[in-house]
Amino acid sequence: MARKQVSIARRRALVARCEASGQALHAFARAHGIPYSTFYRWSRRYGQGARQHTAKTSSVDIQMVEVQVVDAPKVSPPSQSLSLELALPGGSQLRFQQGVEPTYIAALIAAVGDVVRC
């Protein structure tokens, strides 16, 4: 079977019609005689979701930070019960067992605070 070349404008139009119809990709592709894998690729490339993804990623500001490892204060061995849990901006969490020196926790929070920015 020979492959048909479909213009980018036609691909975009078909994807837009599918999105407007609310029909499932596989059903729309089947109704128009297009292999599902091909139409799925078109929808990812030319569909509304592709434009939203591009818009989100184009405004990302990536910054490199230098991290230095320093000698940490000596800590006593932790026991099995959890005594402190901190939620940081961005969803990271720090969990400390009972017996961890408060000076160690303070130093770690200060170091992480210099790196984590929202």
C-alpha atoms as a PDB file:
ATOM      1  CA  MET A   1       0.000   0.000   0.000  1.00  0.00           C
ATOM      2  CA  ALA A   2       1.404   3.382  -0.983  1.00  0.00           C
ATOM      3  CA  ARG A   3       1.836   6.081   1.631  1.00  0.00           C
ATOM      4  CA  LYS A   4      -0.153   9.268   1.113  1.00  0.00           C
ATOM      5  CA  GLN A   5       1.522  12.575   1.812  1.00  0.00           C
ATOM      6  CA  VAL A   6      -0.762  14.806   3.872  1.00  0.00           C
ATOM      7  CA  SER A   7       0.106  18.488   4.101  1.00  0.00           C
ATOM      8  CA  ILE A   8       0.775  20.055   7.484  1.00  0.00           C
ATOM      9  CA  ALA A   9      -2.235  22.352   6.992  1.00  0.00           C
ATOM     10  CA  ARG A  10      -4.464  19.300   6.401  1.00  0.00           C
ATOM     11  CA  ARG A  11      -3.012  17.526   9.461  1.00  0.00           C
ATOM     12  CA  ARG A  12      -3.689  20.562  11.641  1.00  0.00           C
ATOM     13  CA  ALA A  13      -7.221  20.855  10.270  1.00  0.00           C
ATOM     14  CA  LEU A  14      -7.964  17.191  10.975  1.00  0.00           C
ATOM     15  CA  VAL A  15      -6.583  17.419  14.515  1.00  0.00           C
ATOM     16  CA  ALA A  16      -8.611  20.583  15.163  1.00  0.00           C
ATOM     17  CA  ARG A  17     -11.786  18.873  13.870  1.00  0.00           C
ATOM     18  CA  CYS A  18     -11.129  15.884  16.123  1.00  0.00           C
ATOM     19  CA  GLU A  19     -10.583  18.109  19.174  1.00  0.00           C
ATOM     20  CA  ALA A  20     -13.742  20.108  18.396  1.00  0.00           C
ATOM     21  CA  SER A  21     -15.804  16.940  17.924  1.00  0.00           C
ATOM     22  CA  GLY A  22     -14.869  15.463  21.307  1.00  0.00           C
ATOM     23  CA  GLN A  23     -14.513  12.117  19.566  1.00  0.00           C
ATOM     24  CA  ALA A  24     -11.801   9.697  20.699  1.00  0.00           C
ATOM     25  CA  LEU A  25      -8.610   9.778  18.621  1.00  0.00           C
ATOM     26  CA  HIS A  26      -8.872   6.154  17.526  1.00  0.00           C
ATOM     27  CA  ALA A  27     -12.513   6.543  16.431  1.00  0.00           C
ATOM     28  CA  PHE A  28     -11.808   9.754  14.514  1.00  0.00           C
ATOM     29  CA  ALA A  29      -8.735   8.242  12.841  1.00  0.00           C
ATOM     30  CA  ARG A  30     -10.659   5.107  11.858  1.00  0.00           C
ATOM     31  CA  ALA A  31     -13.541   7.179  10.437  1.00  0.00           C
ATOM     32  CA  HIS A  32     -11.085   9.123   8.265  1.00  0.00           C
ATOM     33  CA  GLY A  33      -8.985   6.142   7.173  1.00  0.00           C
ATOM     34  CA  ILE A  34      -5.862   7.258   9.021  1.00  0.00           C
ATOM     35  CA  PRO A  35      -3.737   4.798  11.008  1.00  0.00           C
ATOM     36  CA  TYR A  36      -4.162   5.488  14.718  1.00  0.00           C
ATOM     37  CA  SER A  37      -0.412   5.716  15.363  1.00  0.00           C
ATOM     38  CA  THR A  38      -0.080   8.341  12.643  1.00  0.00           C
ATOM     39  CA  PHE A  39      -3.036  10.374  13.882  1.00  0.00           C
ATOM     40  CA  TYR A  40      -1.833  10.135  17.485  1.00  0.00           C
ATOM     41  CA  ARG A  41       1.541  11.558  16.418  1.00  0.00           C
ATOM     42  CA  TRP A  42      -0.220  14.390  14.559  1.00  0.00           C
ATOM     43  CA  SER A  43      -2.367  15.186  17.593  1.00  0.00           C
ATOM     44  CA  ARG A  44       0.710  15.395  19.815  1.00  0.00           C
ATOM     45  CA  ARG A  45       2.532  17.585  17.314  1.00  0.00           C
ATOM     46  CA  TYR A  46      -0.261  19.864  16.080  1.00  0.00           C
ATOM     47  CA  GLY A  47      -3.016  19.630  18.689  1.00  0.00           C
ATOM     48  CA  GLN A  48      -4.086  21.981  21.466  1.00  0.00           C
ATOM     49  CA  GLY A  49      -2.045  20.007  24.017  1.00  0.00           C
ATOM     50  CA  ALA A  50       1.116  20.536  21.957  1.00  0.00           C
ATOM     51  CA  ARG A  51       0.601  24.306  21.969  1.00  0.00           C
ATOM     52  CA  GLN A  52      -0.010  24.348  25.732  1.00  0.00           C
ATOM     53  CA  HIS A  53       3.087  22.218  26.345  1.00  0.00           C
ATOM     54  CA  THR A  54       5.239  24.483  24.177  1.00  0.00           C
ATOM     55  CA  ALA A  55       3.933  27.588  25.916  1.00  0.00           C
ATOM     56  CA  LYS A  56       4.709  26.141  29.343  1.00  0.00           C
ATOM     57  CA  THR A  57       8.207  24.956  28.546  1.00  0.00           C
ATOM     58  CA  SER A  58       9.269  28.040  26.603  1.00  0.00           C
ATOM     59  CA  SER A  59       9.052  30.227  29.708  1.00  0.00           C
ATOM     60  CA  VAL A  60      11.107  27.970  31.974  1.00  0.00           C
ATOM     61  CA  ASP A  61      14.067  29.742  33.528  1.00  0.00           C
ATOM     62  CA  ILE A  62      16.773  27.245  34.437  1.00  0.00           C
ATOM     63  CA  GLN A  63      19.530  28.405  36.733  1.00  0.00           C
ATOM     64  CA  MET A  64      22.600  26.483  37.768  1.00  0.00           C
ATOM     65  CA  VAL A  65      23.734  26.666  41.369  1.00  0.00           C
ATOM     66  CA  GLU A  66      27.021  25.634  42.864  1.00  0.00           C
ATOM     67  CA  VAL A  67      26.753  23.207  45.753  1.00  0.00           C
ATOM     68  CA  GLN A  68      29.568  22.713  48.194  1.00  0.00           C
ATOM     69  CA  VAL A  69      29.844  19.793  50.550  1.00  0.00           C
ATOM     70  CA  VAL A  70      30.936  20.815  54.024  1.00  0.00           C
ATOM     71  CA  ASP A  71      31.563  18.816  57.145  1.00  0.00           C
ATOM     72  CA  ALA A  72      28.226  18.325  58.829  1.00  0.00           C
ATOM     73  CA  PRO A  73      27.910  18.433  62.599  1.00  0.00           C
ATOM     74  CA  LYS A  74      28.080  15.045  64.248  1.00  0.00           C
ATOM     75  CA  VAL A  75      24.660  13.564  64.854  1.00  0.00           C
ATOM     76  CA  SER A  76      23.553  10.897  67.192  1.00  0.00           C
ATOM     77  CA  PRO A  77      22.146   7.735  65.644  1.00  0.00           C
ATOM     78  CA  PRO A  78      18.445   8.170  64.916  1.00  0.00           C
ATOM     79  CA  SER A  79      15.820   6.066  66.592  1.00  0.00           C
ATOM     80  CA  GLN A  80      13.025   4.402  64.642  1.00  0.00           C
ATOM     81  CA  SER A  81      10.257   6.936  65.336  1.00  0.00           C
ATOM     82  CA  LEU A  82       9.845  10.019  63.178  1.00  0.00           C
ATOM     83  CA  SER A  83      10.068  13.260  65.107  1.00  0.00           C
ATOM     84  CA  LEU A  84      10.051  16.041  62.483  1.00  0.00           C
ATOM     85  CA  GLU A  85       8.945  16.429  58.874  1.00  0.00           C
ATOM     86  CA  LEU A  86       9.352  19.655  56.871  1.00  0.00           C
ATOM     87  CA  ALA A  87       7.667  20.362  53.524  1.00  0.00           C
ATOM     88  CA  LEU A  88       9.792  22.625  51.329  1.00  0.00           C
ATOM     89  CA  PRO A  89       8.647  24.806  48.435  1.00  0.00           C
ATOM     90  CA  GLY A  90       8.350  22.722  45.305  1.00  0.00           C
ATOM     91  CA  GLY A  91       7.125  19.636  47.160  1.00  0.00           C
ATOM     92  CA  SER A  92      10.425  18.356  48.570  1.00  0.00           C
ATOM     93  CA  GLN A  93      10.335  16.978  52.087  1.00  0.00           C
ATOM     94  CA  LEU A  94      12.907  16.639  54.835  1.00  0.00           C
ATOM     95  CA  ARG A  95      12.303  13.958  57.466  1.00  0.00           C
ATOM     96  CA  PHE A  96      14.261  13.697  60.678  1.00  0.00           C
ATOM     97  CA  GLN A  97      14.318  10.883  63.200  1.00  0.00           C
ATOM     98  CA  GLN A  98      14.354  11.481  66.918  1.00  0.00           C
ATOM     99  CA  GLY A  99      17.795  12.137  68.254  1.00  0.00           C
ATOM    100  CA  VAL A 100      19.037  14.326  65.394  1.00  0.00           C
ATOM    101  CA  GLU A 101      20.866  17.361  66.731  1.00  0.00           C
ATOM    102  CA  PRO A 102      18.886  20.601  66.310  1.00  0.00           C
ATOM    103  CA  THR A 103      22.041  22.394  65.120  1.00  0.00           C
ATOM    104  CA  TYR A 104      22.315  19.893  62.259  1.00  0.00           C
ATOM    105  CA  ILE A 105      18.673  20.462  61.284  1.00  0.00           C
ATOM    106  CA  ALA A 106      19.149  24.256  61.398  1.00  0.00           C
ATOM    107  CA  ALA A 107      22.304  24.057  59.256  1.00  0.00           C
ATOM    108  CA  LEU A 108      20.578  21.788  56.720  1.00  0.00           C
ATOM    109  CA  ILE A 109      17.528  24.039  56.484  1.00  0.00           C
ATOM    110  CA  ALA A 110      19.763  27.066  55.970  1.00  0.00           C
ATOM    111  CA  ALA A 111      21.734  25.281  53.227  1.00  0.00           C
ATOM    112  CA  VAL A 112      18.618  24.030  51.457  1.00  0.00           C
ATOM    113  CA  GLY A 113      16.975  27.443  51.816  1.00  0.00           C
ATOM    114  CA  ASP A 114      19.839  28.974  49.807  1.00  0.00           C
ATOM    115  CA  VAL A 115      19.227  26.478  46.982  1.00  0.00           C
ATOM    116  CA  VAL A 116      15.427  26.082  46.934  1.00  0.00           C
ATOM    117  CA  ARG A 117      13.628  29.125  45.558  1.00  0.00           C
ATOM    118  CA  CYS A 118      10.024  29.331  44.348  1.00  0.00           C
END
